[in-house]
Amino acid sequence: MKQYNVLLVDDEQSHIESLKLSIKWDVLHLAYAGSAHNGYEALTIIDDGNIDIVITDIRMPDMSGLELCRCITELYPSIQIIIISAFADFRYTQEAIRYHVLGYCLKPVQYQDIHALLKKAVANIVTDSGRNDIFEALEENDFAVMQRLLEEKGITDTAFYILMCAGAKKALPFLQHQPYLKMGTALYLYFSAQPFCAKELQEEADRYTERIGIGYQTAPVTVETLKENINTVFTRAYQFFIAGKTLVCGTAVDPEH
């Protein structure tokens, strides 16, 4: 598995050294990519290198960690950010949420807390990478790459079934056993070797607490027809916005009915 590069940012070198020793780099598929003592130094390293994850303190001279988070979010939105701080300040938490920070750890950093956040960061990177690779393959009609990417997701059959869910904040519990890709905010694409059962989908969707839309194909899909079928299930899934209620659509829907 690929290793992901981590940049440590703290104005105190002793804290950087402590983090370096506490992280199980190989186990988490991570690589130490360097350190910086303020936001300006960190941005210089990010500009020059291939950084995937930044772990930063908040209170630092010249450029604070929160200002660094703002710059990273604007300039490098794919980078995962973890904040560490000696101060449990609600204002910091609010700012961190604004800048899509992955998590917030208090000093002294607990081993299990930082490892849990790093695992989540790697999972996010892998998901985004897989999604972007498939988008690129779809745009270029590169069927060989699409087939390889699907096989990596566990879809080895030449024909398969797809389902799109819109409106769910996370992957649906009753579909988590199926291979899936997060296609965007509250948008998931699922794959199955077997047809989806309309009755089961409706029963499970009705039990779900959020209003969602599910669009699926009743006929099998191949890599050659995947792009057009994704557009179809996307349109069906988003019918729930028009209808104002949870919908499960295996065919085109008239929203007035």
Protein backbone atom coordinates (compact mmCIF):
# COMPACT_ATOMS: atom_id res chain seq x y z
CA MET A 1 0.00 0.00 0.00
CA LYS A 2 1.15 3.53 -0.80
CA GLN A 3 2.61 5.61 2.03
CA TYR A 4 1.18 9.06 2.74
CA ASN A 5 3.36 12.02 3.69
CA VAL A 6 2.81 13.76 7.04
CA LEU A 7 4.05 17.25 7.94
CA LEU A 8 4.37 18.12 11.66
CA VAL A 9 3.97 21.80 12.60
CA ASP A 10 4.75 23.09 16.10
CA ASP A 11 6.87 25.93 17.42
CA GLU A 12 8.33 23.65 20.09
CA GLN A 13 10.78 21.07 18.74
CA SER A 14 10.25 18.81 21.75
CA HIS A 15 6.58 18.39 20.80
CA ILE A 16 7.56 17.50 17.23
CA GLU A 17 10.02 14.89 18.47
CA SER A 18 7.39 13.45 20.80
CA LEU A 19 4.91 13.10 17.93
CA LYS A 20 7.53 11.51 15.69
CA LEU A 21 8.16 8.85 18.34
CA SER A 22 4.49 8.18 19.15
CA ILE A 23 3.25 7.62 15.60
CA LYS A 24 3.60 4.09 14.22
CA TRP A 25 4.51 5.25 10.74
CA ASP A 26 4.80 1.89 8.96
CA VAL A 27 1.71 0.40 10.57
CA LEU A 28 -0.41 3.36 9.43
CA HIS A 29 1.22 3.51 5.96
CA LEU A 30 2.60 6.95 6.72
CA ALA A 31 5.92 8.66 6.08
CA TYR A 32 7.46 11.52 8.04
CA ALA A 33 7.86 14.32 5.50
CA GLY A 34 9.41 16.99 7.71
CA SER A 35 8.55 19.62 10.28
CA ALA A 36 7.93 23.35 10.51
CA HIS A 37 7.85 25.80 13.42
CA ASN A 38 5.16 28.17 12.12
CA GLY A 39 2.57 28.46 9.39
CA TYR A 40 4.86 30.22 6.91
CA GLU A 41 7.46 27.47 7.10
CA ALA A 42 4.74 24.87 6.73
CA LEU A 43 3.30 26.50 3.58
CA THR A 44 6.76 26.63 2.03
CA ILE A 45 7.18 22.89 2.57
CA ILE A 46 3.66 22.18 1.28
CA ASP A 47 4.34 24.29 -1.82
CA ASP A 48 7.55 22.38 -2.52
CA GLY A 49 6.50 18.86 -1.62
CA ASN A 50 3.84 16.21 -1.82
CA ILE A 51 2.11 16.53 1.57
CA ASP A 52 -1.01 14.48 2.31
CA ILE A 53 -1.60 15.15 6.02
CA VAL A 54 -0.71 18.11 8.25
CA ILE A 55 -0.66 17.89 12.05
CA THR A 56 -0.42 21.41 13.44
CA ASP A 57 -0.36 23.27 16.73
CA ILE A 58 -2.61 26.35 17.02
CA ARG A 59 -0.58 28.93 18.91
CA MET A 60 2.61 29.65 16.97
CA PRO A 61 4.56 32.84 16.12
CA ASP A 62 4.25 34.66 12.77
CA MET A 63 1.37 32.54 11.42
CA SER A 64 -0.97 30.62 13.71
CA GLY A 65 -2.18 27.10 13.13
CA LEU A 66 -5.70 28.34 12.38
CA GLU A 67 -4.41 30.72 9.73
CA LEU A 68 -2.41 27.83 8.29
CA CYS A 69 -5.60 25.73 8.23
CA ARG A 70 -7.39 28.49 6.33
CA CYS A 71 -4.63 28.68 3.73
CA ILE A 72 -4.47 24.91 3.30
CA THR A 73 -8.26 24.68 2.90
CA GLU A 74 -8.21 27.37 0.21
CA LEU A 75 -5.07 26.28 -1.65
CA TYR A 76 -4.79 22.53 -1.00
CA PRO A 77 -8.30 21.23 -0.14
CA SER A 78 -7.28 17.57 -0.51
CA ILE A 79 -4.81 17.78 2.43
CA GLN A 80 -6.11 16.27 5.66
CA ILE A 81 -5.61 18.51 8.71
CA ILE A 82 -5.34 17.50 12.37
CA ILE A 83 -5.02 20.13 15.10
CA ILE A 84 -3.19 19.66 18.39
CA SER A 85 -3.36 22.21 21.17
CA ALA A 86 -2.77 22.63 24.89
CA PHE A 87 -5.95 24.75 25.08
CA ALA A 88 -9.51 23.40 25.12
CA ASP A 89 -11.07 26.56 23.69
CA PHE A 90 -14.48 26.36 22.02
CA ARG A 91 -13.56 29.25 19.72
CA TYR A 92 -10.72 27.18 18.31
CA THR A 93 -13.08 24.27 17.72
CA GLN A 94 -15.51 26.52 15.86
CA GLU A 95 -12.74 27.83 13.63
CA ALA A 96 -11.45 24.31 13.02
CA ILE A 97 -14.90 23.23 11.83
CA ARG A 98 -14.99 26.16 9.40
CA TYR A 99 -11.73 24.99 7.86
CA HIS A 100 -12.84 21.33 7.57
CA VAL A 101 -10.26 20.13 10.08
CA LEU A 102 -10.41 16.37 10.52
CA GLY A 103 -9.92 16.37 14.30
CA TYR A 104 -8.69 18.17 17.39
CA CYS A 105 -6.33 16.61 19.96
CA LEU A 106 -5.41 18.10 23.31
CA LYS A 107 -1.82 18.09 24.56
CA PRO A 108 -0.33 15.93 25.89
CA VAL A 109 -1.47 13.99 22.83
CA GLN A 110 -2.84 10.55 23.60
CA TYR A 111 -1.49 7.78 21.38
CA GLN A 112 -4.92 6.27 20.66
CA ASP A 113 -6.46 9.67 19.76
CA ILE A 114 -3.85 10.67 17.20
CA HIS A 115 -3.77 7.18 15.68
CA ALA A 116 -7.56 7.12 15.29
CA LEU A 117 -7.45 10.45 13.46
CA LEU A 118 -4.56 9.37 11.25
CA LYS A 119 -6.43 6.20 10.29
CA LYS A 120 -9.42 8.35 9.36
CA ALA A 121 -7.17 10.67 7.34
CA VAL A 122 -5.72 7.76 5.34
CA ALA A 123 -9.22 6.37 4.71
CA ASN A 124 -10.35 9.78 3.40
CA ILE A 125 -7.33 10.04 1.11
CA VAL A 126 -7.88 6.54 -0.29
CA THR A 127 -11.57 7.27 -0.90
CA ASP A 128 -10.85 10.59 -2.62
CA SER A 129 -8.11 9.02 -4.72
CA GLY A 130 -10.33 6.18 -5.88
CA ARG A 131 -13.15 8.58 -6.69
CA ASN A 132 -10.89 10.93 -8.66
CA ASP A 133 -9.30 8.03 -10.57
CA ILE A 134 -12.71 6.70 -11.59
CA PHE A 135 -13.91 10.18 -12.60
CA GLU A 136 -10.84 10.60 -14.79
CA ALA A 137 -11.26 7.16 -16.34
CA LEU A 138 -14.95 7.87 -17.03
CA GLU A 139 -14.15 11.18 -18.70
CA GLU A 140 -11.50 9.58 -20.91
CA ASN A 141 -13.58 6.44 -21.58
CA ASP A 142 -10.61 4.38 -20.43
CA PHE A 143 -12.38 1.06 -19.95
CA ALA A 144 -9.23 -0.86 -18.97
CA VAL A 145 -8.50 1.53 -16.11
CA MET A 146 -12.15 1.48 -15.05
CA GLN A 147 -12.11 -2.32 -14.95
CA ARG A 148 -8.94 -2.33 -12.84
CA LEU A 149 -10.33 0.24 -10.40
CA LEU A 150 -13.56 -1.72 -10.02
CA GLU A 151 -11.62 -4.94 -9.40
CA GLU A 152 -9.75 -3.11 -6.63
CA LYS A 153 -13.16 -2.37 -5.09
CA GLY A 154 -14.06 -6.07 -5.26
CA ILE A 155 -16.16 -5.94 -8.46
CA THR A 156 -14.66 -8.70 -10.61
CA ASP A 157 -17.66 -9.59 -12.80
CA THR A 158 -17.88 -8.09 -16.27
CA ALA A 159 -21.52 -7.13 -15.59
CA PHE A 160 -22.73 -5.68 -12.28
CA TYR A 161 -25.44 -3.48 -10.76
CA ILE A 162 -25.21 0.08 -9.48
CA LEU A 163 -27.14 2.22 -7.01
CA MET A 164 -26.82 5.89 -6.13
CA CYS A 165 -27.84 7.33 -2.75
CA ALA A 166 -28.27 11.09 -2.33
CA GLY A 167 -28.85 12.98 0.90
CA ALA A 168 -27.17 10.59 3.35
CA LYS A 169 -24.43 12.12 5.50
CA LYS A 170 -22.53 8.83 5.54
CA ALA A 171 -22.65 5.41 3.88
CA LEU A 172 -25.96 3.69 4.55
CA PRO A 173 -25.66 0.99 7.24
CA PHE A 174 -27.79 -1.49 5.32
CA LEU A 175 -25.57 -1.14 2.23
CA GLN A 176 -22.15 -0.99 3.90
CA HIS A 177 -21.40 -4.60 2.93
CA GLN A 178 -21.48 -3.49 -0.72
CA PRO A 179 -18.43 -1.86 -2.36
CA TYR A 180 -19.05 1.86 -2.68
CA LEU A 181 -17.49 5.18 -3.62
CA LYS A 182 -18.19 8.55 -2.04
CA MET A 183 -18.92 10.65 -5.13
CA GLY A 184 -19.44 13.97 -3.35
CA THR A 185 -21.11 15.56 -0.36
CA ALA A 186 -23.93 13.24 0.78
CA LEU A 187 -23.62 11.24 -2.45
CA TYR A 188 -22.61 7.55 -2.61
CA LEU A 189 -22.37 5.09 -5.50
CA TYR A 190 -22.77 1.39 -4.63
CA PHE A 191 -21.85 -1.69 -6.67
CA SER A 192 -23.28 -5.18 -6.46
CA ALA A 193 -22.78 -8.48 -8.27
CA GLN A 194 -26.49 -9.22 -7.69
CA PRO A 195 -29.60 -7.15 -8.54
CA PHE A 196 -30.89 -4.84 -5.84
CA CYS A 197 -34.25 -5.83 -4.34
CA ALA A 198 -36.76 -2.97 -4.60
CA LYS A 199 -38.83 -4.14 -1.62
CA GLU A 200 -35.80 -4.47 0.66
CA LEU A 201 -34.45 -1.09 -0.43
CA GLN A 202 -37.78 0.62 0.28
CA GLU A 203 -38.16 -1.04 3.70
CA GLU A 204 -34.65 -0.05 4.76
CA ALA A 205 -34.95 3.48 3.35
CA ASP A 206 -38.22 4.02 5.25
CA ARG A 207 -36.43 3.10 8.47
CA TYR A 208 -33.63 5.57 7.81
CA THR A 209 -33.93 8.73 9.90
CA GLU A 210 -32.86 11.18 7.17
CA ARG A 211 -34.75 11.98 3.98
CA ILE A 212 -32.80 10.32 1.17
CA GLY A 213 -33.07 9.41 -2.47
CA ILE A 214 -32.04 6.06 -3.92
CA GLY A 215 -31.73 5.50 -7.63
CA TYR A 216 -30.71 2.13 -9.05
CA GLN A 217 -30.55 0.16 -12.26
CA THR A 218 -32.58 -3.01 -12.67
CA ALA A 219 -30.46 -4.13 -15.64
CA PRO A 220 -26.78 -5.10 -15.39
CA VAL A 221 -24.10 -2.52 -16.22
CA THR A 222 -20.68 -2.95 -17.84
CA VAL A 223 -17.65 -0.65 -17.82
CA GLU A 224 -18.60 0.43 -21.33
CA THR A 225 -22.05 1.60 -20.17
CA LEU A 226 -21.07 2.74 -16.66
CA LYS A 227 -20.86 6.46 -17.43
CA GLU A 228 -24.36 6.76 -18.89
CA ASN A 229 -25.83 4.58 -16.17
CA ILE A 230 -24.24 6.68 -13.41
CA ASN A 231 -26.01 9.69 -14.92
CA THR A 232 -29.27 7.73 -14.92
CA VAL A 233 -29.13 6.62 -11.28
CA PHE A 234 -27.96 10.10 -10.25
CA THR A 235 -31.08 11.63 -11.83
CA ARG A 236 -33.32 9.04 -10.18
CA ALA A 237 -31.72 9.51 -6.76
CA TYR A 238 -32.23 13.27 -6.81
CA GLN A 239 -35.96 12.96 -7.45
CA PHE A 240 -36.37 13.01 -3.66
CA PHE A 241 -35.52 16.73 -3.65
CA ILE A 242 -38.45 17.41 -5.95
CA ALA A 243 -40.83 15.05 -4.18
CA GLY A 244 -39.86 16.29 -0.71
CA LYS A 245 -39.73 12.78 0.72
CA THR A 246 -37.60 9.64 0.72
CA LEU A 247 -37.79 7.90 -2.65
CA VAL A 248 -36.47 4.63 -4.05
CA CYS A 249 -36.43 4.73 -7.84
CA GLY A 250 -35.61 1.86 -10.17
CA THR A 251 -37.34 3.58 -13.09
CA ALA A 252 -37.97 7.16 -14.16
CA VAL A 253 -40.26 8.94 -11.71
CA ASP A 254 -42.98 11.51 -12.24
CA PRO A 255 -42.50 13.72 -9.15
CA GLU A 256 -46.15 14.76 -9.16
CA HIS A 257 -47.22 11.22 -8.25
